[in-house]
């Protein structure tokens, strides 16, 4: 049950809180933490020339801490302790809520992050309460750097007095140690980090009781490239702080204790030494506050005056630079002007020397241009004549083509008439054939009737013998009947003969019609042949016309090119006449004309 309660009370977030003085390697340390898996804030400060590899701290948290220190009546470079009453003031409660919002914005729900801002060293009670409410388990990491190096770095960056820099260093490291005493914490130094970062990282996770998300072997290459010796710009030997009498004893004692903790681990026996230093330091600060404030005010006035003088010096230097630049520019312009005048003189001499030559060349060019113009005109006339002849030939070809088209149309009309006549003949032949078929059918009927009559005659002859006596009176009728039947047969035969003659005539007419149709077909074939021949001839004529048109276009292109050349020569002549050399040599040409006139 107790284990469950303990597990339930465990914080959900872990914050590695980096504590150290400005210019003490806190950026290098936080950069290593990020390589090993710690989350960084959202709004990171951008690298600068004084810290090219980055600060690894939040712009928002830095600005917030500036406001907190200002509300407590101090700033980042103050050496006095922050007013203890500020933490219980209404202002602190307002900043407490804002700090929670800033943490949420910068880290969100990150379970493992690094928080670094040297200003936090002077306001640890405030930030420990904020991180507690942010559900964080705080694991402080205190790093220290040789105070003489820190003071030199501040002197180079901010022109801060070396002694004042050491006092600021002392306030930061003493407050960070005193406000984290009794909490599981880890001590290291800038020297140890640069000498063996992997050992520092391994001891850190063992001492603070956590594991790195990323293994040391995985990031060894990146961290080694990041933590290079060139990060250190102000190197002071460790023993120099012991031997230098100008270093305050408080600074010497505090550095000796904190460096020993970084190398060998924290020793509770040293607490008394640090407490004594802190107590004496606070007493001294209260004693010489007015003197220091007056000195700081005087130093601020001197710094302001120095800044004014430096600005005036920079402005004067800029003015001198501009004047020198203008003077150099004027000298350059003078040299360019002299060079240009000399160039003009040489060009004038060259023009004078070449004027006569150009005059002679101009005369030759004029003569050549005139001859070329005459040649062009003759060629243009010849091309125009050829073009006119081509047009006449084209018109004749078109007239022949029109006549061929008319003949073709007449032949097609005659062909249509022949087709119509042929259709009429075929219709007549069909009609005659029908009549012949009808006649043959009638003839067949007559023949069948004649056969029937013959059968009756035979029957009558057979019955005549037996009925002669009884039928005497009917003999005459029978004879009449035979006579009548013979006449009918004769008439039928004559009719049949007439039908055969008509059939022969129709057959003859049909053969004649077929012969006529054969002739018409032959004529039609001939007409088609002539038509194909005319079409072929027209295609040949069209090809010849296209060739003539292409030749005409080509000649027109040649004419345009000749015209362009003529215009080019005329333009060159005009340019020559308008040129400076032509104008300069005008007197020379007049003298030449006068001499030729003599």
Protein backbone atom coordinates (compact mmCIF):
# COMPACT_ATOMS: atom_id res chain seq x y z
CA UNK A 1 0.00 0.00 0.00
CA UNK A 2 2.85 2.35 0.90
CA UNK A 3 4.54 1.56 -2.40
CA UNK A 4 1.34 2.41 -4.29
CA UNK A 5 1.05 5.77 -2.53
CA UNK A 6 4.67 6.53 -3.22
CA UNK A 7 4.19 5.60 -6.88
CA UNK A 8 1.06 7.75 -7.07
CA UNK A 9 2.94 10.76 -5.63
CA UNK A 10 5.75 10.48 -8.14
CA UNK A 11 5.93 13.39 -10.55
CA UNK A 12 5.10 12.75 -14.19
CA UNK A 13 7.81 15.09 -15.53
CA UNK A 14 11.54 15.35 -14.92
CA UNK A 15 13.35 18.67 -15.26
CA UNK A 16 17.15 18.79 -15.46
CA UNK A 17 17.71 22.29 -14.05
CA UNK A 18 21.07 23.66 -15.25
CA UNK A 19 22.48 26.16 -12.70
CA UNK A 20 25.61 28.20 -13.28
CA UNK A 21 26.97 31.69 -13.78
CA UNK A 22 26.87 33.41 -17.18
CA UNK A 23 29.84 32.45 -19.40
CA UNK A 24 30.42 29.30 -17.33
CA UNK A 25 29.71 26.66 -19.98
CA UNK A 26 25.98 26.27 -19.27
CA UNK A 27 25.24 26.39 -23.02
CA UNK A 28 27.75 23.61 -23.75
CA UNK A 29 26.32 21.50 -20.91
CA UNK A 30 22.70 21.97 -22.07
CA UNK A 31 23.69 21.20 -25.66
CA UNK A 32 25.09 17.85 -24.49
CA UNK A 33 21.87 17.14 -22.55
CA UNK A 34 19.82 17.67 -25.71
CA UNK A 35 22.03 15.20 -27.62
CA UNK A 36 21.35 12.59 -24.93
CA UNK A 37 17.56 12.95 -25.23
CA UNK A 38 16.44 15.98 -23.20
CA UNK A 39 13.77 18.14 -24.82
CA UNK A 40 14.56 21.81 -25.35
CA UNK A 41 12.18 24.81 -25.24
CA UNK A 42 10.25 25.91 -28.32
CA UNK A 43 11.57 29.47 -28.69
CA UNK A 44 15.33 28.91 -28.65
CA UNK A 45 17.73 31.84 -28.70
CA UNK A 46 19.57 32.07 -32.01
CA UNK A 47 23.36 31.57 -32.08
CA UNK A 48 25.51 34.70 -32.10
CA UNK A 49 29.17 35.50 -32.82
CA UNK A 50 29.94 35.18 -29.10
CA UNK A 51 28.19 31.81 -28.93
CA UNK A 52 28.20 30.34 -32.43
CA UNK A 53 26.96 26.86 -31.45
CA UNK A 54 23.88 28.14 -29.67
CA UNK A 55 22.60 29.10 -26.20
CA UNK A 56 20.02 26.27 -25.81
CA UNK A 57 17.79 28.47 -23.67
CA UNK A 58 14.36 29.98 -24.20
CA UNK A 59 13.91 33.57 -25.35
CA UNK A 60 10.54 33.65 -23.59
CA UNK A 61 11.94 32.40 -20.27
CA UNK A 62 14.90 34.79 -20.49
CA UNK A 63 12.62 37.80 -21.05
CA UNK A 64 10.31 36.59 -18.27
CA UNK A 65 13.22 36.34 -15.81
CA UNK A 66 14.35 39.82 -16.78
CA UNK A 67 10.91 41.09 -15.75
CA UNK A 68 11.04 39.17 -12.47
CA UNK A 69 14.46 40.61 -11.55
CA UNK A 70 13.37 44.10 -12.53
CA UNK A 71 10.25 43.80 -10.35
CA UNK A 72 12.56 42.82 -7.44
CA UNK A 73 14.76 45.89 -8.03
CA UNK A 74 17.78 44.18 -9.59
CA UNK A 75 19.06 42.78 -12.91
CA UNK A 76 21.13 39.92 -14.32
CA UNK A 77 24.44 41.61 -13.41
CA UNK A 78 23.48 42.43 -9.81
CA UNK A 79 25.72 41.12 -7.05
CA UNK A 80 23.20 41.59 -4.21
CA UNK A 81 20.73 38.95 -3.09
CA UNK A 82 17.17 39.28 -4.34
CA UNK A 83 14.85 40.86 -1.78
CA UNK A 84 13.46 38.01 0.36
CA UNK A 85 10.13 39.79 0.78
CA UNK A 86 9.50 39.72 -2.95
CA UNK A 87 8.66 35.99 -2.90
CA UNK A 88 5.61 36.59 -0.65
CA UNK A 89 4.45 39.77 -2.37
CA UNK A 90 1.32 39.96 -4.60
CA UNK A 91 3.63 40.57 -7.54
CA UNK A 92 5.24 37.16 -7.05
CA UNK A 93 1.85 35.42 -7.15
CA UNK A 94 1.10 37.08 -10.49
CA UNK A 95 4.48 36.02 -11.87
CA UNK A 96 3.92 32.49 -10.55
CA UNK A 97 0.86 32.02 -12.78
CA UNK A 98 2.65 33.53 -15.75
CA UNK A 99 5.62 31.21 -15.21
CA UNK A 100 3.33 28.16 -15.43
CA UNK A 101 1.94 29.46 -18.73
CA UNK A 102 5.45 30.03 -20.06
CA UNK A 103 6.51 26.49 -19.12
CA UNK A 104 3.43 25.07 -20.83
CA UNK A 105 4.17 27.04 -23.98
CA UNK A 106 7.83 26.06 -24.04
CA UNK A 107 7.74 22.41 -22.96
CA UNK A 108 4.09 21.32 -23.15
CA UNK A 109 3.67 17.78 -21.90
CA UNK A 110 7.33 16.79 -22.35
CA UNK A 111 8.25 14.17 -19.70
CA UNK A 112 12.00 14.93 -19.78
CA UNK A 113 13.37 18.39 -20.51
CA UNK A 114 16.30 20.68 -19.71
CA UNK A 115 15.75 24.19 -18.32
CA UNK A 116 18.65 26.62 -18.45
CA UNK A 117 18.94 30.33 -17.68
CA UNK A 118 21.73 31.66 -15.41
CA UNK A 119 19.25 34.19 -13.93
CA UNK A 120 17.41 31.29 -12.23
CA UNK A 121 20.40 30.95 -9.83
CA UNK A 122 19.24 34.13 -8.09
CA UNK A 123 15.53 33.22 -7.89
CA UNK A 124 15.57 29.51 -7.12
CA UNK A 125 12.87 29.53 -4.41
CA UNK A 126 10.46 31.06 -6.92
CA UNK A 127 11.28 28.60 -9.72
CA UNK A 128 11.28 25.53 -7.48
CA UNK A 129 7.70 26.36 -6.46
CA UNK A 130 6.68 26.89 -10.09
CA UNK A 131 8.23 23.58 -11.22
CA UNK A 132 6.57 21.80 -8.30
CA UNK A 133 3.17 23.05 -9.47
CA UNK A 134 4.12 22.09 -13.05
CA UNK A 135 4.27 18.47 -11.79
CA UNK A 136 8.03 18.25 -12.22
CA UNK A 137 10.67 16.35 -10.31
CA UNK A 138 13.56 18.83 -10.32
CA UNK A 139 17.11 17.46 -10.67
CA UNK A 140 19.59 20.35 -10.25
CA UNK A 141 22.90 20.26 -12.15
CA UNK A 142 25.40 22.80 -10.79
CA UNK A 143 28.33 23.66 -13.04
CA UNK A 144 31.27 25.92 -12.21
CA UNK A 145 34.01 27.62 -14.21
CA UNK A 146 37.22 29.32 -13.10
CA UNK A 147 35.99 32.80 -11.96
CA UNK A 148 38.94 34.63 -13.54
CA UNK A 149 37.94 33.15 -16.93
CA UNK A 150 34.32 34.19 -16.35
CA UNK A 151 35.36 37.73 -15.43
CA UNK A 152 37.58 37.96 -18.52
CA UNK A 153 34.74 36.74 -20.73
CA UNK A 154 32.33 39.31 -19.23
CA UNK A 155 34.96 42.01 -19.74
CA UNK A 156 35.25 41.07 -23.41
CA UNK A 157 31.49 40.78 -23.96
CA UNK A 158 30.01 43.53 -21.77
CA UNK A 159 33.07 45.58 -20.74
CA UNK A 160 32.31 44.58 -17.18
CA UNK A 161 34.92 45.39 -14.50
CA UNK A 162 36.91 42.26 -13.61
CA UNK A 163 36.37 42.65 -9.86
CA UNK A 164 32.66 43.25 -10.41
CA UNK A 165 32.51 40.19 -12.65
CA UNK A 166 33.97 38.07 -9.87
CA UNK A 167 31.39 39.41 -7.41
CA UNK A 168 28.55 38.56 -9.80
CA UNK A 169 30.04 35.07 -10.22
CA UNK A 170 30.18 34.67 -6.44
CA UNK A 171 26.52 35.66 -5.98
CA UNK A 172 25.31 33.19 -8.63
CA UNK A 173 27.23 30.13 -7.43
CA UNK A 174 26.56 30.74 -3.71
CA UNK A 175 22.80 31.27 -4.22
CA UNK A 176 22.52 28.19 -6.48
CA UNK A 177 24.33 25.99 -3.95
CA UNK A 178 22.48 27.32 -0.88
CA UNK A 179 18.98 27.05 -2.42
CA UNK A 180 19.50 23.43 -3.66
CA UNK A 181 21.20 22.08 -0.53
CA UNK A 182 19.41 19.00 0.76
CA UNK A 183 18.16 18.04 -2.71
CA UNK A 184 19.67 15.24 -4.78
CA UNK A 185 21.92 17.21 -7.12
CA UNK A 186 24.94 16.84 -9.38
CA UNK A 187 28.12 18.95 -9.44
CA UNK A 188 30.36 19.34 -12.49
CA UNK A 189 32.67 21.91 -14.05
CA UNK A 190 33.43 23.38 -17.45
CA UNK A 191 36.88 21.78 -17.32
CA UNK A 192 35.45 18.30 -16.66
CA UNK A 193 32.87 18.65 -19.43
CA UNK A 194 35.48 19.54 -22.05
CA UNK A 195 37.96 16.96 -20.76
CA UNK A 196 35.65 13.92 -20.59
CA UNK A 197 31.99 14.60 -21.36
CA UNK A 198 31.09 10.88 -21.47
CA UNK A 199 32.28 10.37 -17.89
CA UNK A 200 30.31 13.44 -16.79
CA UNK A 201 27.16 12.14 -18.52
CA UNK A 202 27.54 8.67 -17.00
CA UNK A 203 28.13 10.02 -13.48
CA UNK A 204 25.18 12.39 -13.90
CA UNK A 205 22.62 9.66 -14.64
CA UNK A 206 23.98 7.52 -11.81
CA UNK A 207 24.01 10.38 -9.32
CA UNK A 208 20.57 11.76 -10.21
CA UNK A 209 18.89 8.38 -10.64
CA UNK A 210 17.66 8.31 -14.23
CA UNK A 211 18.64 6.83 -17.59
CA UNK A 212 19.45 8.71 -20.79
CA UNK A 213 16.90 8.12 -23.59
CA UNK A 214 19.78 7.99 -26.08
CA UNK A 215 22.87 5.90 -25.48
CA UNK A 216 26.28 7.55 -25.12
CA UNK A 217 27.70 5.43 -27.96
CA UNK A 218 24.97 6.62 -30.31
CA UNK A 219 25.74 10.32 -29.84
CA UNK A 220 29.49 10.12 -29.21
CA UNK A 221 30.38 11.45 -32.64
CA UNK A 222 27.97 14.38 -32.54
CA UNK A 223 28.85 15.39 -28.97
CA UNK A 224 32.58 15.20 -29.70
CA UNK A 225 32.12 17.50 -32.68
CA UNK A 226 30.03 19.84 -30.55
CA UNK A 227 32.29 20.05 -27.47
CA UNK A 228 35.50 21.23 -29.12
CA UNK A 229 38.40 23.12 -27.48
CA UNK A 230 37.65 26.25 -29.54
CA UNK A 231 34.60 26.85 -27.30
CA UNK A 232 37.00 28.14 -24.66
CA UNK A 233 38.21 31.68 -25.40
CA UNK A 234 39.69 32.70 -22.02
CA UNK A 235 41.94 30.06 -20.49
CA UNK A 236 43.40 30.64 -17.02
CA UNK A 237 45.42 28.04 -15.12
CA UNK A 238 43.64 26.52 -12.13
CA UNK A 239 46.45 27.30 -9.70
CA UNK A 240 46.54 30.95 -10.74
CA UNK A 241 43.47 31.71 -8.63
CA UNK A 242 45.35 30.51 -5.54
CA UNK A 243 48.49 32.46 -6.34
CA UNK A 244 46.88 35.74 -7.46
CA UNK A 245 46.59 38.08 -4.43
CA UNK A 246 44.09 40.27 -6.29
CA UNK A 247 41.49 37.49 -6.22
CA UNK A 248 39.13 37.89 -3.27
CA UNK A 249 39.37 35.21 -0.63
CA UNK A 250 35.63 34.58 -0.81
CA UNK A 251 35.94 33.86 -4.56
CA UNK A 252 38.99 31.66 -3.96
CA UNK A 253 37.25 29.69 -1.20
CA UNK A 254 33.97 29.19 -3.10
CA UNK A 255 35.79 28.03 -6.26
CA UNK A 256 38.03 25.68 -4.28
CA UNK A 257 35.00 23.99 -2.66
CA UNK A 258 32.85 23.76 -5.81
CA UNK A 259 35.73 22.49 -7.99
CA UNK A 260 36.48 19.84 -5.36
CA UNK A 261 32.84 18.73 -5.40
CA UNK A 262 32.91 18.53 -9.22
CA UNK A 263 36.01 16.32 -9.14
CA UNK A 264 35.45 14.20 -6.02
CA UNK A 265 31.79 14.55 -5.07
CA UNK A 266 29.91 16.72 -2.59
CA UNK A 267 31.29 16.94 0.97
CA UNK A 268 28.93 18.13 3.74
CA UNK A 269 31.90 19.35 5.80
CA UNK A 270 32.33 22.17 3.29
CA UNK A 271 28.88 23.62 3.97
CA UNK A 272 30.24 25.69 6.87
CA UNK A 273 32.93 27.27 4.68
CA UNK A 274 30.36 28.24 2.03
CA UNK A 275 27.91 29.56 4.61
CA UNK A 276 30.64 31.70 6.14
CA UNK A 277 31.55 33.12 2.74
CA UNK A 278 27.90 33.85 1.98
CA UNK A 279 27.31 35.52 5.36
CA UNK A 280 30.43 37.68 5.14
CA UNK A 281 29.66 38.54 1.52
CA UNK A 282 26.11 39.66 2.39
CA UNK A 283 27.38 41.73 5.34
CA UNK A 284 30.00 43.38 3.20
CA UNK A 285 27.51 44.11 0.44
CA UNK A 286 25.23 45.87 2.87
CA UNK A 287 28.17 47.83 4.25
CA UNK A 288 29.61 49.15 1.00
CA UNK A 289 26.31 49.26 -0.96
CA UNK A 290 26.25 53.07 -1.12
CA UNK A 291 29.90 53.26 -2.13
CA UNK A 292 29.46 50.63 -4.80
CA UNK A 293 26.28 52.22 -6.07
CA UNK A 294 28.06 55.59 -6.31
CA UNK A 295 30.93 53.90 -8.08
CA UNK A 296 28.54 52.13 -10.41
CA UNK A 297 26.77 55.41 -11.12
CA UNK A 298 30.11 57.09 -11.81
CA UNK A 299 31.15 54.15 -13.97
CA UNK A 300 27.85 54.34 -15.83
CA UNK A 301 28.43 58.05 -16.48
CA UNK A 302 31.94 57.36 -17.65
CA UNK A 303 30.68 54.54 -19.84
CA UNK A 304 28.00 56.82 -21.31
CA UNK A 305 30.61 59.51 -22.00
CA UNK A 306 32.88 56.88 -23.51
CA UNK A 307 30.03 55.64 -25.69
CA UNK A 308 29.39 59.22 -26.88
CA UNK A 309 33.08 59.71 -27.67
CA UNK A 310 33.20 56.37 -29.47
CA UNK A 311 30.15 57.29 -31.53
CA UNK A 312 31.66 60.69 -32.36
CA UNK A 313 34.92 58.99 -33.23
CA UNK A 314 33.09 56.53 -35.47
CA UNK A 315 31.17 59.37 -37.12
CA UNK A 316 34.41 61.33 -37.68
CA UNK A 317 36.08 58.22 -39.07
CA UNK A 318 33.13 57.66 -41.36
CA UNK A 319 33.28 61.30 -42.52
CA UNK A 320 37.01 60.97 -43.22
CA UNK A 321 36.39 57.73 -45.06
CA UNK A 322 33.69 59.35 -47.21
CA UNK A 323 35.93 62.37 -47.95
CA UNK A 324 38.81 60.08 -48.87
CA UNK A 325 36.51 58.10 -51.09
CA UNK A 326 35.26 61.28 -52.77
CA UNK A 327 38.88 62.48 -53.19
CA UNK A 328 39.87 59.15 -54.70
CA UNK A 329 36.82 59.31 -56.94
CA UNK A 330 37.75 62.85 -58.06
CA UNK A 331 41.32 61.72 -58.82
CA UNK A 332 39.97 58.78 -60.76
CA UNK A 333 37.64 61.04 -62.72
CA UNK A 334 40.53 63.42 -63.48
CA UNK A 335 42.65 60.55 -64.74
CA UNK A 336 39.71 59.25 -66.79
CA UNK A 337 39.17 62.74 -68.26
CA UNK A 338 42.85 63.09 -69.22
CA UNK A 339 42.79 59.62 -70.72
CA UNK A 340 39.63 60.44 -72.66
CA UNK A 341 41.16 63.70 -73.99
CA UNK A 342 44.27 61.86 -75.10
CA UNK A 343 42.12 59.19 -76.72
CA UNK A 344 40.12 61.88 -78.56
CA UNK A 345 43.33 63.51 -79.79
CA UNK A 346 44.61 60.19 -81.09
CA UNK A 347 41.28 59.48 -82.74
CA UNK A 348 41.34 62.93 -84.41
CA UNK A 349 44.81 62.24 -85.76
CA UNK A 350 43.73 58.83 -87.01
CA UNK A 351 40.67 60.37 -88.66
CA UNK A 352 42.79 63.01 -90.36
CA UNK A 353 45.21 60.37 -91.61
CA UNK A 354 42.49 58.07 -92.89
CA UNK A 355 40.25 60.81 -94.36
CA UNK A 356 41.90 60.67 -97.78
CA UNK A 357 41.82 56.89 -97.80
CA UNK A 358 38.15 56.88 -96.85
CA UNK A 359 37.42 59.45 -99.58
CA UNK A 360 38.98 57.22 -102.21
CA UNK A 361 37.22 54.17 -100.80
CA UNK A 362 33.97 56.12 -100.84
CA UNK A 363 34.43 56.95 -104.49
CA UNK A 364 35.10 53.33 -105.26
CA UNK A 365 32.12 52.33 -103.14
CA UNK A 366 29.91 54.81 -104.98
CA UNK A 367 31.05 53.49 -108.35
CA UNK A 368 30.56 49.92 -107.21
CA UNK A 369 27.18 50.78 -105.73
CA UNK A 370 26.10 52.46 -109.00
CA UNK A 371 27.22 49.44 -111.04
CA UNK A 372 25.49 47.14 -108.58
CA UNK A 373 22.34 49.25 -108.84
CA UNK A 374 22.38 48.99 -112.65
CA UNK A 375 22.97 45.23 -112.44
CA UNK A 376 20.12 44.93 -109.96
CA UNK A 377 17.78 46.92 -112.20
CA UNK A 378 18.65 44.76 -115.22
CA UNK A 379 18.15 41.63 -113.19
CA UNK A 380 14.84 42.96 -111.86
CA UNK A 381 13.68 43.75 -115.42
CA UNK A 382 14.67 40.27 -116.55
CA UNK A 383 12.84 38.69 -113.64
CA UNK A 384 9.77 40.82 -114.33
CA UNK A 385 9.78 39.69 -117.97
CA UNK A 386 10.13 36.06 -116.93
CA UNK A 387 7.36 36.55 -114.43
CA UNK A 388 5.11 38.06 -117.11
CA UNK A 389 5.87 35.16 -119.44
CA UNK A 390 5.15 32.70 -116.63
CA UNK A 391 1.82 34.38 -116.00
CA UNK A 392 0.90 34.19 -119.72
CA UNK A 393 1.88 30.52 -119.80
CA UNK A 394 -0.16 29.93 -116.70
CA UNK A 395 -3.18 31.65 -118.26
CA UNK A 396 -2.84 29.51 -121.42
CA UNK A 397 -2.58 26.37 -119.32
CA UNK A 398 -5.67 27.40 -117.39
CA UNK A 399 -7.56 28.06 -120.68
CA UNK A 400 -6.60 24.59 -122.00
CA UNK A 401 -7.68 23.09 -118.72
CA UNK A 402 -11.05 24.89 -118.96
CA UNK A 403 -11.57 23.63 -122.53
CA UNK A 404 -10.67 20.09 -121.48
CA UNK A 405 -13.16 20.40 -118.66
CA UNK A 406 -15.90 21.50 -121.11
CA UNK A 407 -15.12 18.58 -123.43
CA UNK A 408 -15.21 16.25 -120.49
CA UNK A 409 -18.61 17.61 -119.44
CA UNK A 410 -19.99 17.13 -123.00
CA UNK A 411 -18.61 13.58 -123.13
CA UNK A 412 -20.23 12.82 -119.81
CA UNK A 413 -23.56 14.24 -121.11
CA UNK A 414 -23.32 12.09 -124.28
CA UNK A 415 -22.52 9.10 -122.11
CA UNK A 416 -25.65 9.77 -120.05
CA UNK A 417 -27.75 10.03 -123.26
CA UNK A 418 -26.34 6.72 -124.52
CA UNK A 419 -27.17 5.11 -121.20
CA UNK A 420 -30.73 6.41 -121.50
CA UNK A 421 -31.09 5.11 -125.07
CA UNK A 422 -29.65 1.76 -124.05
CA UNK A 423 -32.19 1.51 -121.24
CA UNK A 424 -35.00 2.32 -123.73
CA UNK A 425 -33.75 -0.34 -126.17
CA UNK A 426 -33.53 -2.93 -123.42
CA UNK A 427 -37.11 -2.06 -122.44
CA UNK A 428 -38.29 -2.42 -126.06
CA UNK A 429 -36.50 -5.75 -126.42
CA UNK A 430 -38.15 -7.00 -123.25
CA UNK A 431 -41.53 -5.91 -124.60
CA UNK A 432 -40.90 -7.63 -127.95
CA UNK A 433 -39.75 -10.74 -126.16
CA UNK A 434 -42.99 -10.75 -124.18
CA UNK A 435 -44.99 -10.45 -127.38
CA UNK A 436 -43.06 -13.36 -128.92
CA UNK A 437 -43.72 -15.43 -125.83
CA UNK A 438 -47.44 -14.60 -126.09
CA UNK A 439 -47.48 -15.52 -129.81
CA UNK A 440 -45.75 -18.81 -129.17
CA UNK A 441 -48.29 -19.57 -126.48
CA UNK A 442 -51.15 -18.85 -128.91
CA UNK A 443 -49.46 -20.99 -131.57
CA UNK A 444 -49.20 -23.84 -129.12
CA UNK A 445 -52.93 -23.50 -128.45
CA UNK A 446 -53.68 -23.58 -132.22
CA UNK A 447 -51.53 -26.66 -132.72
CA UNK A 448 -53.31 -28.40 -129.88
CA UNK A 449 -56.66 -27.49 -131.53
CA UNK A 450 -55.43 -28.78 -134.91
CA UNK A 451 -54.43 -32.09 -133.35
CA UNK A 452 -57.88 -32.35 -131.84
CA UNK A 453 -59.46 -31.71 -135.26
CA UNK A 454 -57.35 -34.42 -136.87
CA UNK A 455 -58.44 -36.85 -134.19
CA UNK A 456 -62.06 -35.96 -134.91
CA UNK A 457 -61.47 -36.43 -138.66
CA UNK A 458 -60.05 -39.90 -138.13
CA UNK A 459 -63.01 -40.73 -135.96
CA UNK A 460 -65.38 -39.44 -138.58
CA UNK A 461 -63.66 -41.50 -141.34
CA UNK A 462 -63.97 -44.63 -139.24
CA UNK A 463 -67.61 -43.92 -138.55
CA UNK A 464 -68.26 -42.77 -142.11
CA UNK A 465 -68.16 -46.29 -143.55
CA UNK A 466 -70.58 -47.65 -141.07
CA UNK A 467 -72.84 -44.61 -141.16
CA UNK A 468 -72.44 -43.62 -144.83
CA UNK A 469 -75.83 -44.73 -145.81
CA UNK A 470 -77.42 -43.31 -142.77
CA UNK A 471 -75.40 -40.15 -142.93
CA UNK A 472 -75.51 -39.25 -146.62
CA UNK A 473 -77.25 -36.14 -145.83
CA UNK A 474 -74.54 -35.25 -143.46
CA UNK A 475 -71.69 -35.90 -145.99
CA UNK A 476 -71.93 -32.48 -147.37
CA UNK A 477 -71.75 -31.03 -143.87
CA UNK A 478 -68.71 -33.17 -143.16
CA UNK A 479 -66.99 -32.03 -146.38
CA UNK A 480 -67.81 -28.46 -145.51
CA UNK A 481 -66.48 -29.06 -142.09
CA UNK A 482 -63.16 -30.36 -143.50
CA UNK A 483 -62.91 -27.46 -145.90
CA UNK A 484 -63.55 -25.04 -143.06
CA UNK A 485 -60.96 -26.78 -140.86
CA UNK A 486 -58.33 -26.70 -143.62
CA UNK A 487 -58.92 -23.03 -144.18
CA UNK A 488 -58.55 -22.40 -140.50
CA UNK A 489 -55.36 -24.46 -140.37
CA UNK A 490 -53.98 -22.63 -143.39
CA UNK A 491 -54.86 -19.33 -141.78
CA UNK A 492 -53.23 -20.43 -138.56
CA UNK A 493 -50.09 -21.52 -140.42
CA UNK A 494 -49.93 -18.22 -142.18
CA UNK A 495 -50.38 -16.50 -138.84
CA UNK A 496 -47.61 -18.57 -137.33
CA UNK A 497 -45.36 -17.82 -140.33
CA UNK A 498 -46.11 -14.13 -139.86
CA UNK A 499 -45.27 -14.42 -136.19
CA UNK A 500 -41.98 -16.14 -137.03
CA UNK A 501 -41.10 -13.38 -139.48
CA UNK A 502 -41.88 -10.78 -136.82
CA UNK A 503 -39.78 -12.76 -134.37
CA UNK A 504 -36.91 -12.87 -136.88
CA UNK A 505 -37.21 -9.13 -137.38
CA UNK A 506 -37.28 -8.57 -133.61
CA UNK A 507 -34.26 -10.84 -133.23
CA UNK A 508 -32.46 -8.91 -135.93
CA UNK A 509 -33.40 -5.63 -134.28
CA UNK A 510 -32.22 -7.00 -130.93
CA UNK A 511 -28.88 -8.02 -132.45
CA UNK A 512 -28.56 -4.59 -134.03
CA UNK A 513 -29.36 -3.02 -130.67
CA UNK A 514 -26.74 -5.20 -129.02
CA UNK A 515 -24.22 -4.24 -131.66
CA UNK A 516 -25.10 -0.59 -131.11
CA UNK A 517 -24.73 -1.10 -127.38
CA UNK A 518 -21.32 -2.72 -127.96
CA UNK A 519 -20.30 0.27 -130.05
CA UNK A 520 -21.61 2.60 -127.34
CA UNK A 521 -19.64 0.69 -124.73
CA UNK A 522 -16.52 0.91 -126.85
CA UNK A 523 -17.11 4.63 -127.33
CA UNK A 524 -17.68 4.97 -123.58
CA UNK A 525 -14.41 3.13 -122.88
CA UNK A 526 -12.67 5.44 -125.30
CA UNK A 527 -14.25 8.46 -123.67
CA UNK A 528 -13.10 7.22 -120.24
CA UNK A 529 -9.61 6.65 -121.59
CA UNK A 530 -9.55 10.16 -123.00
CA UNK A 531 -10.92 11.44 -119.72
CA UNK A 532 -8.11 9.71 -117.76
CA UNK A 533 -5.64 11.03 -120.29
CA UNK A 534 -7.00 14.55 -119.84
CA UNK A 535 -6.84 14.18 -116.08
CA UNK A 536 -3.22 13.00 -116.29
CA UNK A 537 -2.42 15.89 -118.58
CA UNK A 538 -4.11 18.31 -116.22
CA UNK A 539 -2.10 16.84 -113.30
CA UNK A 540 1.09 17.34 -115.30
CA UNK A 541 -0.02 20.89 -116.08
CA UNK A 542 -0.75 21.50 -112.43
CA UNK A 543 2.74 20.24 -111.52
CA UNK A 544 4.24 22.54 -114.14
CA UNK A 545 2.16 25.42 -112.78
CA UNK A 546 3.34 24.65 -109.22
CA UNK A 547 6.92 24.54 -110.44
CA UNK A 548 6.45 27.88 -112.18
CA UNK A 549 4.91 29.33 -109.02
CA UNK A 550 7.83 28.02 -106.92
CA UNK A 551 10.28 29.50 -109.41
CA UNK A 552 8.35 32.76 -109.24
CA UNK A 553 8.49 32.75 -105.41
CA UNK A 554 12.19 31.93 -105.51
CA UNK A 555 12.84 34.76 -107.95
CA UNK A 556 10.78 37.09 -105.82
CA UNK A 557 12.92 36.05 -102.80
CA UNK A 558 16.06 36.73 -104.83
CA UNK A 559 14.62 40.10 -105.83
CA UNK A 560 13.87 40.88 -102.15
CA UNK A 561 17.42 39.88 -101.20
CA UNK A 562 18.81 42.09 -103.96
CA UNK A 563 16.62 44.93 -102.81
CA UNK A 564 17.85 44.35 -99.22
CA UNK A 565 21.47 44.43 -100.41
CA UNK A 566 20.79 47.60 -102.34
CA UNK A 567 19.13 49.20 -99.30
CA UNK A 568 22.06 48.02 -97.13
CA UNK A 569 24.56 49.63 -99.50
CA UNK A 570 22.47 52.79 -99.64
CA UNK A 571 22.27 52.79 -95.78
CA UNK A 572 26.05 52.36 -95.54
CA UNK A 573 26.54 55.22 -97.99
CA UNK A 574 24.14 57.38 -95.97
CA UNK A 575 25.97 56.48 -92.73
CA UNK A 576 29.27 57.29 -94.35
CA UNK A 577 27.96 60.63 -95.55
CA UNK A 578 26.58 61.39 -92.07
CA UNK A 579 29.69 60.20 -90.23
CA UNK A 580 32.15 62.46 -88.52
CA UNK A 581 34.94 61.37 -90.84
CA UNK A 582 32.85 62.34 -93.88
CA UNK A 583 32.14 65.75 -92.42
CA UNK A 584 35.79 66.22 -91.43
CA UNK A 585 36.99 65.28 -94.94
CA UNK A 586 34.50 67.60 -96.68
CA UNK A 587 37.19 70.27 -97.22
CA UNK A 588 39.50 67.60 -98.59
CA UNK A 589 36.86 66.45 -101.09
CA UNK A 590 36.27 70.01 -102.21
CA UNK A 591 40.01 70.47 -102.77
CA UNK A 592 40.10 67.20 -104.74
CA UNK A 593 37.17 68.31 -106.91
CA UNK A 594 38.87 71.67 -107.55
CA UNK A 595 42.10 69.91 -108.44
CA UNK A 596 40.28 67.57 -110.83
CA UNK A 597 38.49 70.58 -112.31
CA UNK A 598 41.88 72.13 -113.13
